[in-house]
Protein backbone atom coordinates (compact mmCIF):
# COMPACT_ATOMS: atom_id res chain seq x y z
CA UNK A 1 0.16 0.15 -0.04
CA UNK A 2 3.02 2.57 1.04
CA UNK A 3 4.66 1.50 -2.60
CA UNK A 4 1.57 2.07 -4.32
CA UNK A 5 0.95 5.96 -2.95
CA UNK A 6 4.95 6.09 -3.64
CA UNK A 7 4.22 5.25 -7.29
CA UNK A 8 1.39 7.66 -7.58
CA UNK A 9 3.01 10.82 -6.04
CA UNK A 10 6.01 9.99 -8.11
CA UNK A 11 4.06 9.78 -11.29
CA UNK A 12 2.15 12.56 -10.19
CA UNK A 13 5.52 15.20 -9.93
CA UNK A 14 6.91 13.42 -13.19
CA UNK A 15 3.69 14.38 -15.46
CA UNK A 16 3.37 17.86 -13.65
CA UNK A 17 7.25 18.57 -14.63
CA UNK A 18 6.14 17.45 -18.42
CA UNK A 19 3.01 19.65 -18.42
CA UNK A 20 5.10 22.47 -17.38
CA UNK A 21 7.98 22.00 -19.75
CA UNK A 22 5.30 22.08 -22.91
CA UNK A 23 4.42 25.28 -21.41
CA UNK A 24 7.77 27.28 -21.94
CA UNK A 25 9.55 25.32 -24.79
CA UNK A 26 9.17 25.12 -28.19
CA UNK A 27 10.52 23.44 -31.45
CA UNK A 28 12.73 23.73 -34.36
CA UNK A 29 11.98 21.94 -37.49
CA UNK A 30 12.77 22.09 -41.10
CA UNK A 31 13.78 20.18 -44.17
CA UNK A 32 17.23 20.20 -45.42
CA UNK A 33 17.75 20.26 -49.36
CA UNK A 34 20.63 20.32 -52.08
CA UNK A 35 20.83 22.71 -54.88
CA UNK A 36 18.36 20.55 -57.21
CA UNK A 37 15.90 20.73 -54.66
CA UNK A 38 16.23 17.12 -53.53
CA UNK A 39 16.16 16.23 -49.89
CA UNK A 40 19.50 15.61 -47.93
CA UNK A 41 19.53 12.28 -45.83
CA UNK A 42 21.21 11.43 -42.50
CA UNK A 43 22.55 15.27 -42.75
CA UNK A 44 23.21 16.06 -38.80
CA UNK A 45 21.77 19.22 -37.66
CA UNK A 46 23.02 21.11 -34.66
CA UNK A 47 21.15 23.88 -32.82
CA UNK A 48 22.95 26.31 -30.97
CA UNK A 49 21.98 28.59 -28.04
CA UNK A 50 23.74 31.95 -28.88
CA UNK A 51 23.73 32.93 -25.50
CA UNK A 52 24.16 29.72 -23.41
CA UNK A 53 26.31 28.11 -25.71
CA UNK A 54 24.61 25.00 -25.33
CA UNK A 55 23.50 22.32 -28.26
CA UNK A 56 21.21 20.12 -29.16
CA UNK A 57 21.64 17.61 -32.22
CA UNK A 58 19.38 16.09 -34.79
CA UNK A 59 19.31 13.49 -37.94
CA UNK A 60 17.70 14.68 -40.99
CA UNK A 61 15.06 11.26 -41.98
CA UNK A 62 14.27 9.85 -45.10
CA UNK A 63 12.57 12.72 -46.17
CA UNK A 64 15.20 15.31 -45.29
CA UNK A 65 13.14 16.45 -42.41
CA UNK A 66 14.44 17.03 -38.52
CA UNK A 67 12.77 18.21 -35.62
CA UNK A 68 13.95 19.10 -32.19
CA UNK A 69 11.75 19.32 -29.24
CA UNK A 70 12.20 20.87 -25.83
CA UNK A 71 14.05 24.25 -27.30
CA UNK A 72 13.89 27.04 -24.65
CA UNK A 73 13.12 30.66 -26.20
CA UNK A 74 16.15 32.37 -27.14
CA UNK A 75 18.02 33.28 -30.45
CA UNK A 76 19.71 30.27 -31.71
CA UNK A 77 22.06 28.91 -34.87
CA UNK A 78 21.31 26.04 -37.16
CA UNK A 79 23.67 24.07 -38.73
CA UNK A 80 23.38 21.14 -41.07
CA UNK A 81 26.54 19.12 -41.98
CA UNK A 82 26.96 15.89 -44.27
CA UNK A 83 29.87 14.78 -45.99
CA UNK A 84 30.42 16.08 -49.44
CA UNK A 85 28.45 19.23 -48.97
CA UNK A 86 29.65 22.26 -47.50
CA UNK A 87 28.06 23.28 -43.72
CA UNK A 88 24.79 25.49 -44.01
CA UNK A 89 23.86 27.68 -41.35
CA UNK A 90 20.99 29.49 -40.57
CA UNK A 91 22.10 32.64 -37.98
CA UNK A 92 20.10 34.34 -35.36
CA UNK A 93 16.89 32.24 -35.56
CA UNK A 94 14.44 33.80 -32.43
CA UNK A 95 12.83 30.91 -31.29
CA UNK A 96 9.91 32.15 -28.95
CA UNK A 97 7.38 30.15 -26.28
CA UNK A 98 5.01 27.13 -27.66
CA UNK A 99 6.43 28.40 -31.08
CA UNK A 100 6.65 25.87 -34.10
CA UNK A 101 9.99 27.40 -35.52
CA UNK A 102 10.82 25.71 -39.27
CA UNK A 103 14.18 26.52 -40.64
CA UNK A 104 14.63 25.12 -44.07
CA UNK A 105 18.42 24.31 -45.01
CA UNK A 106 20.31 24.24 -48.15
CA UNK A 107 23.39 22.48 -48.74
CA UNK A 108 25.72 23.24 -51.54
CA UNK A 109 28.22 20.43 -52.95
CA UNK A 110 31.70 21.16 -51.20
CA UNK A 111 34.16 20.02 -48.68
CA UNK A 112 32.17 19.81 -44.97
CA UNK A 113 34.82 22.48 -44.61
CA UNK A 114 33.79 25.25 -46.67
CA UNK A 115 29.76 26.75 -45.29
CA UNK A 116 27.27 29.08 -46.06
CA UNK A 117 25.83 31.46 -44.04
CA UNK A 118 22.49 32.34 -44.35
CA UNK A 119 21.02 35.35 -42.32
CA UNK A 120 17.27 36.06 -41.68
CA UNK A 121 16.23 32.45 -43.51
CA UNK A 122 13.64 31.91 -40.40
CA UNK A 123 10.08 32.64 -41.59
CA UNK A 124 8.36 35.52 -40.45
CA UNK A 125 4.99 33.53 -40.56
CA UNK A 126 4.55 30.33 -39.23
CA UNK A 127 2.58 28.27 -40.85
CA UNK A 128 3.33 25.20 -39.51
CA UNK A 129 0.81 25.72 -36.16
CA UNK A 130 -1.79 27.88 -34.55
CA UNK A 131 -0.29 27.97 -31.13
CA UNK A 132 1.22 31.09 -29.84
CA UNK A 133 3.06 32.36 -26.76
CA UNK A 134 4.22 35.58 -25.74
CA UNK A 135 6.96 36.06 -23.08
CA UNK A 136 6.28 39.78 -21.01
CA UNK A 137 9.81 40.84 -20.33
CA UNK A 138 11.14 42.00 -16.93
CA UNK A 139 11.79 45.01 -18.29
CA UNK A 140 8.00 46.08 -18.99
CA UNK A 141 6.56 44.97 -16.08
CA UNK A 142 9.09 47.12 -14.27
CA UNK A 143 8.56 50.40 -16.71
CA UNK A 144 4.59 49.52 -17.23
CA UNK A 145 2.18 51.23 -15.15
CA UNK A 146 -0.43 48.56 -13.75
CA UNK A 147 -3.39 50.52 -12.62
CA UNK A 148 -4.19 48.81 -8.99
CA UNK A 149 -1.14 46.58 -9.40
CA UNK A 150 -3.55 44.12 -11.50
CA UNK A 151 -0.61 41.63 -12.98
CA UNK A 152 -3.06 39.94 -14.94
CA UNK A 153 -3.62 42.85 -17.12
CA UNK A 154 0.01 42.33 -18.27
CA UNK A 155 -2.06 39.59 -20.70
CA UNK A 156 -3.17 42.59 -22.72
CA UNK A 157 -0.02 42.97 -24.70
CA UNK A 158 -0.39 39.92 -26.29
CA UNK A 159 -1.68 39.64 -30.00
CA UNK A 160 -5.24 38.80 -29.75
CA UNK A 161 -6.09 39.14 -26.00
CA UNK A 162 -8.68 42.06 -24.92
CA UNK A 163 -10.39 42.38 -21.36
CA UNK A 164 -14.03 40.23 -21.63
CA UNK A 165 -17.16 42.61 -22.28
CA UNK A 166 -18.96 40.64 -19.03
CA UNK A 167 -19.22 42.62 -16.17
CA UNK A 168 -17.79 40.40 -13.56
CA UNK A 169 -15.40 41.05 -10.64
CA UNK A 170 -13.19 38.31 -11.54
CA UNK A 171 -9.61 39.04 -11.70
CA UNK A 172 -8.35 37.96 -15.43
CA UNK A 173 -11.31 38.25 -17.27
CA UNK A 174 -10.34 38.25 -21.02
CA UNK A 175 -11.20 36.83 -24.40
CA UNK A 176 -8.29 35.49 -26.48
CA UNK A 177 -8.64 35.06 -30.20
CA UNK A 178 -12.38 35.35 -29.71
CA UNK A 179 -12.93 32.56 -26.76
CA UNK A 180 -15.19 33.02 -23.97
CA UNK A 181 -12.87 34.12 -21.01
CA UNK A 182 -14.07 30.95 -19.44
CA UNK A 183 -11.69 28.73 -21.53
CA UNK A 184 -8.79 31.02 -21.53
CA UNK A 185 -8.66 32.51 -17.59
CA UNK A 186 -6.69 29.15 -16.48
CA UNK A 187 -3.85 29.58 -19.30
CA UNK A 188 -3.45 33.32 -18.06
CA UNK A 189 -2.85 32.88 -14.82
CA UNK A 190 0.20 30.50 -15.13
C-alpha cells in the first residue's frame, strides 16, 4: 500500500514537470535540400543557443526533415553538416514560447570545411501551427504602469487578447482570439 502511494506520487510529480516543460518550450523543425531540390538524408543538424552555448543535435530522416523538441526561447544558430556538402548555417533564429519555428536549409556540394551562412532565413509567418505564446519581459513589467497593480492585465500585451466584455469582478477575465473568458482564464494565470 505504501509503495503504491509512493508510485502514484512519483507519477504525479513526473507528469506535472512534463506539463510545465511543454508550456515554456518550443520546437525547431525544417527540411534540408541540396541545390537540385532533392532532400538530404542523414545530415547532422546542430541547434546552438547563442546566449548559453548549449547545443542539441538531430539527424534528418528519409524525407530530409528534422525536428528538435523542448527548445527554450532565445536566439539560436542552426547548422547542417554532411560529408560531400558544405556546411549550411542559419544565424539569429528567434524562438519564442510554444512556437514551431521552421528553418529550412539548402546545402551546396563541396567540402564540409566550407560553409554557407544564411542570415534572416527563418520565416516570419509560422505556418506549421496556430499555437502562440508571448513572453512579457522583466523590463516591461517594471516600466509599465499597472492600474491597481493588476498583474493579470499584462496579458493584454499579447496579440489577440482583450478584456472580457461581460461585467465581472473576477480578475483575469480575458477573451483570447475570440474564446470565452471561461476557457482562457486558466491559461493566463500560469
